[in-house]
Amino acid sequence: MNMETIESTLRGKHQILCIDDDPIVLNSFARDFRDINADLTLATTAEQGLQRVEEKQFSLVISDLKLPGADGIKFLQSVSRRFPDTVRILISGQADFNSAVKAINQTGLFGFITKPWSIDSLKETVNKALEHYEMSLENKKLTTALSVKCAELGIMTISLEKEVQARTTSMLLGMVNALDLRDTETHWHSRRVALFARRLAEELSLDEAQILEVERGSLLHDVGKIGVSDTILLKPGKLTPEEWVEMRRHAEYGYQILKNVEFLHEAKDLVGQHHERWDGGGYPRGLKEKEIYIGARIFAVIDTYDAMTSDRPYRKALSHAIACEEIRNMSGSQFDPDVVAAWERIPESDLIRLREQTFTRDSGLR
């Protein structure tokens, strides 16, 4: 019988490769594996074994410790590098028992078979090895399926978050629109300051996430006025001290409205702090200097500029130059000096262009 390669005629569930240079050992494998649910391939050298593993996917490879021209351990390590799912078992005689145990501990082999073996112990070892192979493949499939499901869940979560953001945005924009229509004196103010604030945030080299938060917070800065009564908000004359106390609560009202909206996490700080001053003389908390959120420091300059350069019933709009001079004079007291310096670097033509975009551009709540 040609012992170079012997293949069983069975068509089993698994493919097993056995390598030994002793024909008697290979004949024993062929005999003892008859009732194991596997197709058996036999080879006499490591070189032949490597050829076989390149030809088909083996569930189990069994190799003698000593092969002609090669070391069985190195051969099995080579199999592991090429096909990490394949289970590997070493064959050794009693004289090589210690070497086999050492090899298993160092190389991660599944186990070993000693010569001579009993049929029962051989079958037990091989069946356990095949069960291990099946479990490894099943775990791999489950891991892949779990990764796919996690990816799908991630996409669903992102879609859900976007849907929540879209619905929340629609609600908040509705409130902003209601406020703009309610307070005709400052109609379109929220949209203008949102555009101006974005431009100033860019001039200060904030990152895109911060810029977006500044734009969102600026658009929503007066959302808390929804909680201020019409008799105060729309009063034509001066407010009494008591009415001013109520009016000033709109910053805190706005913060409370937005604090549980996750995607407006930092925008809420701008809303809650947009009347704070650099010197600590603002409200509602009397914050000072860099205790104030950068977006609120940006907005303070923008809000003042827009108020001065917009028409009011009691006066006409001031010029860009006059407004900038007033802002410059309040640098270090009402305003952050670094923010004022950045503001002065922005060309007036940019602001004119942004004013024109007020009626056409999206609100900025993205």
Protein backbone atom coordinates (compact mmCIF):
# COMPACT_ATOMS: atom_id res chain seq x y z
CA MET A 1 0.00 0.00 0.00
CA ASN A 2 1.33 3.42 -0.92
CA MET A 3 1.62 5.24 2.40
CA GLU A 4 2.50 8.69 0.97
CA THR A 5 -1.15 9.67 1.10
CA ILE A 6 -4.13 7.57 2.16
CA GLU A 7 -7.65 9.01 2.02
CA SER A 8 -10.66 7.30 3.58
CA THR A 9 -13.66 6.58 1.43
CA LEU A 10 -15.97 8.00 4.10
CA ARG A 11 -17.58 11.44 3.59
CA GLY A 12 -17.74 12.67 7.14
CA LYS A 13 -18.55 15.92 8.84
CA HIS A 14 -14.90 16.83 9.45
CA GLN A 15 -11.55 16.64 7.66
CA ILE A 16 -8.63 15.20 9.66
CA LEU A 17 -4.97 15.12 8.62
CA CYS A 18 -2.58 12.65 10.30
CA ILE A 19 1.19 12.77 9.67
CA ASP A 20 3.70 10.10 10.72
CA ASP A 21 6.62 8.49 8.93
CA ASP A 22 5.75 5.05 10.33
CA PRO A 23 3.35 3.10 8.02
CA ILE A 24 2.19 1.00 10.98
CA VAL A 25 1.03 4.15 12.84
CA LEU A 26 -0.79 5.44 9.76
CA ASN A 27 -2.49 2.07 9.27
CA SER A 28 -3.59 2.21 12.89
CA PHE A 29 -5.11 5.65 12.33
CA ALA A 30 -6.92 4.43 9.21
CA ARG A 31 -8.33 1.48 11.14
CA ASP A 32 -9.21 3.27 14.38
CA PHE A 33 -10.87 6.27 12.67
CA ARG A 34 -13.40 4.19 10.74
CA ASP A 35 -16.35 5.03 12.99
CA ILE A 36 -15.37 8.67 13.59
CA ASN A 37 -17.50 11.07 11.57
CA ALA A 38 -14.60 12.43 9.54
CA ASP A 39 -12.69 12.10 6.30
CA LEU A 40 -9.12 11.05 6.98
CA THR A 41 -6.03 12.16 5.04
CA LEU A 42 -2.66 10.53 5.83
CA ALA A 43 0.83 11.78 5.00
CA THR A 44 4.38 10.70 5.86
CA THR A 45 6.29 14.02 5.87
CA ALA A 46 5.82 17.63 6.98
CA GLU A 47 6.22 18.72 3.39
CA GLN A 48 3.33 16.52 2.30
CA GLY A 49 1.31 17.75 5.25
CA LEU A 50 1.78 21.39 4.24
CA GLN A 51 0.66 20.54 0.72
CA ARG A 52 -2.50 18.91 2.08
CA VAL A 53 -3.46 21.82 4.36
CA GLU A 54 -3.22 24.15 1.38
CA GLU A 55 -5.63 21.93 -0.57
CA LYS A 56 -8.51 21.70 1.92
CA GLN A 57 -9.73 23.02 5.25
CA PHE A 58 -8.94 20.58 8.05
CA SER A 59 -10.78 20.56 11.36
CA LEU A 60 -7.95 18.65 13.03
CA VAL A 61 -4.26 18.05 12.25
CA ILE A 62 -2.37 15.33 14.14
CA SER A 63 1.41 15.20 13.76
CA ASP A 64 4.18 13.08 15.17
CA LEU A 65 6.77 14.92 17.26
CA LYS A 66 9.61 13.70 15.02
CA LEU A 67 9.21 13.88 11.25
CA PRO A 68 11.76 13.32 8.47
CA GLY A 69 13.60 16.57 7.88
CA ALA A 70 11.31 18.57 10.17
CA ASP A 71 10.11 19.10 13.71
CA GLY A 72 6.46 18.22 14.36
CA ILE A 73 6.04 21.18 16.70
CA LYS A 74 7.28 23.65 14.10
CA PHE A 75 5.05 22.06 11.51
CA LEU A 76 1.99 22.48 13.73
CA GLN A 77 2.99 26.07 14.45
CA SER A 78 3.11 26.68 10.69
CA VAL A 79 -0.40 25.21 10.37
CA SER A 80 -1.58 27.50 13.16
CA ARG A 81 -0.25 30.60 11.40
CA ARG A 82 -1.96 29.68 8.15
CA PHE A 83 -5.19 28.29 9.60
CA PRO A 84 -5.73 29.48 13.19
CA ASP A 85 -9.11 27.72 13.49
CA THR A 86 -7.62 24.26 12.88
CA VAL A 87 -7.16 22.22 16.06
CA ARG A 88 -3.67 20.69 16.49
CA ILE A 89 -2.61 17.54 18.35
CA LEU A 90 0.91 16.17 18.82
CA ILE A 91 1.83 12.42 18.79
CA SER A 92 4.72 11.27 20.94
CA GLY A 93 6.20 8.12 22.38
CA GLN A 94 6.65 7.57 26.10
CA ALA A 95 10.30 8.58 25.82
CA ASP A 96 9.30 11.99 24.44
CA PHE A 97 6.46 12.59 26.94
CA ASN A 98 8.13 15.49 28.76
CA SER A 99 9.01 17.21 25.48
CA ALA A 100 5.42 16.85 24.30
CA VAL A 101 4.00 18.37 27.50
CA LYS A 102 6.47 21.26 27.26
CA ALA A 103 5.47 21.87 23.62
CA ILE A 104 1.78 21.94 24.51
CA ASN A 105 2.34 24.47 27.28
CA GLN A 106 4.46 26.72 25.08
CA THR A 107 2.64 26.56 21.75
CA GLY A 108 -1.04 26.27 22.64
CA LEU A 109 -1.63 22.82 21.13
CA PHE A 110 -4.94 21.19 22.00
CA GLY A 111 -3.32 18.04 23.40
CA PHE A 112 -1.24 15.00 22.60
CA ILE A 113 -1.60 11.28 21.90
CA THR A 114 0.96 8.83 23.27
CA LYS A 115 2.22 5.77 21.47
CA PRO A 116 0.92 3.16 21.79
CA TRP A 117 -2.62 4.36 22.32
CA SER A 118 -5.86 2.62 23.18
CA ILE A 119 -8.69 2.96 20.71
CA ASP A 120 -11.00 4.42 23.39
CA SER A 121 -8.53 7.10 24.51
CA LEU A 122 -7.79 8.01 20.90
CA LYS A 123 -11.46 8.40 20.05
CA GLU A 124 -12.08 10.42 23.22
CA THR A 125 -9.22 12.82 22.45
CA VAL A 126 -10.18 13.21 18.79
CA ASN A 127 -13.89 13.71 19.52
CA LYS A 128 -13.08 16.38 22.11
CA ALA A 129 -10.81 18.08 19.59
CA LEU A 130 -13.57 18.09 16.97
CA GLU A 131 -16.09 19.40 19.50
CA HIS A 132 -13.61 22.18 20.31
CA TYR A 133 -13.34 22.99 16.61
CA GLU A 134 -17.12 23.14 16.23
CA MET A 135 -17.48 25.34 19.30
CA SER A 136 -14.75 27.68 18.04
CA LEU A 137 -16.46 28.04 14.68
CA GLU A 138 -19.84 28.57 16.35
CA ASN A 139 -18.35 31.22 18.63
CA LYS A 140 -16.81 32.89 15.62
CA LYS A 141 -20.17 32.89 13.82
CA LEU A 142 -21.90 34.26 16.90
CA THR A 143 -19.24 36.94 17.31
CA THR A 144 -19.62 37.95 13.67
CA ALA A 145 -23.40 37.96 13.97
CA LEU A 146 -23.16 40.00 17.17
CA SER A 147 -20.85 42.49 15.46
CA VAL A 148 -23.32 42.82 12.60
CA LYS A 149 -26.20 43.28 15.03
CA CYS A 150 -24.21 45.84 17.01
CA ALA A 151 -23.46 47.72 13.81
CA GLU A 152 -27.14 47.60 12.84
CA LEU A 153 -28.10 48.74 16.34
CA GLY A 154 -25.57 51.55 16.07
CA ILE A 155 -27.11 52.68 12.80
CA MET A 156 -30.59 52.44 14.30
CA THR A 157 -29.44 54.41 17.34
CA ILE A 158 -27.92 57.13 15.16
CA SER A 159 -31.10 57.27 13.10
CA LEU A 160 -33.18 57.43 16.26
CA GLU A 161 -30.97 60.18 17.67
CA LYS A 162 -31.29 62.13 14.45
CA GLU A 163 -35.05 61.69 14.54
CA VAL A 164 -35.18 62.89 18.14
CA GLN A 165 -32.94 65.83 17.24
CA ALA A 166 -35.11 66.69 14.25
CA ARG A 167 -38.31 66.60 16.30
CA THR A 168 -36.75 68.55 19.16
CA THR A 169 -35.32 71.05 16.69
CA SER A 170 -38.73 71.57 15.11
CA MET A 171 -40.24 72.21 18.51
CA LEU A 172 -37.52 74.67 19.54
CA LEU A 173 -37.61 76.50 16.22
CA GLY A 174 -41.34 76.81 16.60
CA MET A 175 -40.74 78.46 19.96
CA VAL A 176 -38.13 80.80 18.43
CA ASN A 177 -40.53 81.72 15.62
CA ALA A 178 -43.26 82.37 18.16
CA LEU A 179 -40.95 84.63 20.14
CA ASP A 180 -39.83 86.53 17.03
CA LEU A 181 -43.43 87.15 16.05
CA ARG A 182 -44.41 87.98 19.61
CA ASP A 183 -41.62 90.53 20.08
CA THR A 184 -41.85 92.51 16.84
CA GLU A 185 -39.17 94.94 18.00
CA THR A 186 -36.50 92.26 17.68
CA HIS A 187 -37.94 90.28 14.74
CA TRP A 188 -35.23 88.19 12.96
CA HIS A 189 -32.80 89.06 15.77
CA SER A 190 -32.27 85.40 16.76
CA ARG A 191 -31.34 84.39 13.23
CA ARG A 192 -28.94 87.31 12.74
CA VAL A 193 -27.05 86.77 15.98
CA ALA A 194 -26.75 83.03 15.24
CA LEU A 195 -25.01 83.82 11.95
CA PHE A 196 -22.83 86.54 13.48
CA ALA A 197 -21.87 84.29 16.41
CA ARG A 198 -20.80 81.48 14.07
CA ARG A 199 -18.53 83.90 12.20
CA LEU A 200 -16.93 85.16 15.42
CA ALA A 201 -16.47 81.60 16.72
CA GLU A 202 -14.67 80.76 13.47
CA GLU A 203 -12.46 83.83 13.91
CA LEU A 204 -11.51 82.53 17.36
CA SER A 205 -10.54 79.15 15.77
CA LEU A 206 -13.02 77.09 17.77
CA ASP A 207 -13.51 73.55 16.46
CA GLU A 208 -16.57 72.74 14.37
CA ALA A 209 -18.46 71.10 17.24
CA GLN A 210 -17.99 74.20 19.42
CA ILE A 211 -18.92 76.50 16.54
CA LEU A 212 -22.16 74.58 16.02
CA GLU A 213 -22.98 74.80 19.74
CA VAL A 214 -22.36 78.56 19.68
CA GLU A 215 -24.63 78.95 16.64
CA ARG A 216 -27.36 76.81 18.20
CA GLY A 217 -27.17 78.56 21.56
CA SER A 218 -27.26 81.98 19.91
CA LEU A 219 -30.35 81.07 17.94
CA LEU A 220 -32.07 79.88 21.12
CA HIS A 221 -30.67 82.49 23.51
CA ASP A 222 -34.07 84.06 24.28
CA VAL A 223 -36.09 80.85 24.32
CA GLY A 224 -36.70 81.42 28.04
CA LYS A 225 -38.81 84.47 27.24
CA ILE A 226 -41.59 82.03 26.48
CA GLY A 227 -42.05 82.00 30.25
CA VAL A 228 -42.24 85.80 30.58
CA SER A 229 -45.72 87.31 30.54
CA ASP A 230 -46.82 89.48 27.61
CA THR A 231 -47.53 92.40 29.91
CA ILE A 232 -43.81 92.56 30.72
CA LEU A 233 -42.33 91.40 27.42
CA LEU A 234 -44.43 93.73 25.29
CA LYS A 235 -44.66 96.66 27.68
CA PRO A 236 -44.09 99.88 25.63
CA GLY A 237 -42.61 101.91 28.49
CA LYS A 238 -39.87 101.30 31.01
CA LEU A 239 -40.07 98.26 33.25
CA THR A 240 -40.41 98.60 37.01
CA PRO A 241 -37.71 97.07 39.24
CA GLU A 242 -40.07 94.15 39.96
CA GLU A 243 -40.69 93.65 36.25
CA TRP A 244 -36.98 93.69 35.55
CA VAL A 245 -36.52 90.92 38.08
CA GLU A 246 -39.05 88.83 36.17
CA MET A 247 -37.58 89.71 32.77
CA ARG A 248 -34.09 88.70 33.88
CA ARG A 249 -35.35 85.24 34.79
CA HIS A 250 -35.62 84.39 31.10
CA ALA A 251 -31.98 83.26 31.04
CA GLU A 252 -32.62 80.69 33.75
CA TYR A 253 -35.95 79.71 32.16
CA GLY A 254 -34.12 79.05 28.90
CA TYR A 255 -31.46 76.97 30.64
CA GLN A 256 -34.13 74.84 32.31
CA ILE A 257 -35.91 74.31 28.98
CA LEU A 258 -32.72 73.04 27.30
CA LYS A 259 -30.87 71.25 30.12
CA ASN A 260 -32.34 67.82 29.32
CA VAL A 261 -31.84 68.11 25.56
CA GLU A 262 -28.66 66.05 25.17
CA PHE A 263 -27.54 67.33 21.77
CA LEU A 264 -27.79 70.93 23.04
CA HIS A 265 -25.51 70.16 25.99
CA GLU A 266 -23.27 73.25 25.67
CA ALA A 267 -25.82 75.43 23.90
CA LYS A 268 -27.79 75.51 27.15
CA ASP A 269 -24.79 77.15 28.89
CA LEU A 270 -24.84 79.97 26.37
CA VAL A 271 -28.57 80.42 26.93
CA GLY A 272 -28.16 80.44 30.69
CA GLN A 273 -25.14 82.78 30.71
CA HIS A 274 -25.72 85.17 27.82
CA HIS A 275 -26.26 88.13 30.19
CA GLU A 276 -23.14 87.53 32.29
CA ARG A 277 -20.35 90.14 32.11
CA TRP A 278 -16.57 89.78 31.97
CA ASP A 279 -16.23 91.88 35.17
CA GLY A 280 -18.77 89.78 37.09
CA GLY A 281 -21.54 92.39 37.02
CA GLY A 282 -23.98 90.35 34.93
CA TYR A 283 -26.79 87.95 35.76
CA PRO A 284 -28.18 85.50 36.77
CA ARG A 285 -25.10 84.09 38.58
CA GLY A 286 -22.57 86.95 38.52
CA LEU A 287 -19.94 84.83 36.75
CA LYS A 288 -16.72 86.56 35.73
CA GLU A 289 -13.99 86.22 33.11
CA LYS A 290 -13.38 82.62 32.01
CA GLU A 291 -15.94 81.24 34.43
CA ILE A 292 -18.31 82.25 31.66
CA TYR A 293 -18.77 79.74 28.84
CA ILE A 294 -16.88 80.89 25.72
CA GLY A 295 -20.08 80.82 23.66
CA ALA A 296 -21.72 83.25 26.09
CA ARG A 297 -18.68 85.56 25.90
CA ILE A 298 -18.94 85.50 22.12
CA PHE A 299 -22.66 86.11 22.21
CA ALA A 300 -22.35 89.11 24.55
CA VAL A 301 -20.40 91.00 21.86
CA ILE A 302 -22.71 89.86 19.07
CA ASP A 303 -25.91 90.74 20.95
CA THR A 304 -24.67 94.24 21.73
CA TYR A 305 -23.56 94.84 18.15
CA ASP A 306 -26.87 93.64 16.69
CA ALA A 307 -28.87 95.76 19.13
CA MET A 308 -26.89 98.89 18.25
CA THR A 309 -26.97 98.37 14.48
CA SER A 310 -30.69 97.53 14.25
CA ASP A 311 -33.56 100.04 14.05
CA ARG A 312 -35.61 100.57 17.19
CA PRO A 313 -38.85 102.59 17.65
CA TYR A 314 -36.92 105.08 19.78
CA ARG A 315 -33.85 105.45 17.50
CA LYS A 316 -32.34 104.60 14.14
CA ALA A 317 -29.63 101.99 13.77
CA LEU A 318 -26.08 103.11 14.62
CA SER A 319 -23.28 102.67 12.12
CA HIS A 320 -20.89 99.75 12.15
CA ALA A 321 -18.01 102.03 13.13
CA ILE A 322 -19.83 103.57 16.11
CA ALA A 323 -21.01 100.17 17.34
CA CYS A 324 -17.48 98.75 17.13
CA GLU A 325 -16.09 101.74 19.01
CA GLU A 326 -18.62 101.22 21.81
CA ILE A 327 -17.71 97.53 22.00
CA ARG A 328 -14.02 98.41 22.11
CA ASN A 329 -14.67 100.80 25.00
CA MET A 330 -16.33 98.01 26.99
CA SER A 331 -13.49 95.52 26.41
CA GLY A 332 -12.26 94.25 29.77
CA SER A 333 -15.43 95.31 31.58
CA GLN A 334 -18.50 93.93 29.83
CA PHE A 335 -16.63 91.89 27.23
CA ASP A 336 -13.75 89.42 27.02
CA PRO A 337 -10.79 91.37 25.51
CA ASP A 338 -9.73 88.40 23.35
CA VAL A 339 -13.24 88.09 21.91
CA VAL A 340 -13.33 91.85 21.18
CA ALA A 341 -9.95 91.62 19.42
CA ALA A 342 -11.24 88.77 17.24
CA TRP A 343 -14.43 90.73 16.50
CA GLU A 344 -12.41 93.70 15.23
CA ARG A 345 -10.64 91.43 12.73
CA ILE A 346 -13.91 90.57 10.96
CA PRO A 347 -14.51 92.79 7.89
CA GLU A 348 -17.76 94.75 7.84
CA SER A 349 -18.47 93.19 4.42
CA ASP A 350 -18.76 89.77 6.10
CA LEU A 351 -21.43 91.11 8.46
CA ILE A 352 -23.35 92.75 5.62
CA ARG A 353 -23.34 89.45 3.75
CA LEU A 354 -24.56 87.56 6.82
CA ARG A 355 -27.39 90.06 7.37
CA GLU A 356 -28.56 89.36 3.83
CA GLN A 357 -28.46 85.61 4.52
CA THR A 358 -30.74 85.99 7.54
CA PHE A 359 -33.84 85.56 5.40
CA THR A 360 -32.52 82.68 3.28
CA ARG A 361 -30.17 80.54 5.35
CA ASP A 362 -31.24 77.60 7.49
CA SER A 363 -31.47 78.44 11.16
CA GLY A 364 -28.31 76.57 12.08
CA LEU A 365 -29.98 74.03 14.35
CA ARG A 366 -28.51 70.87 12.80
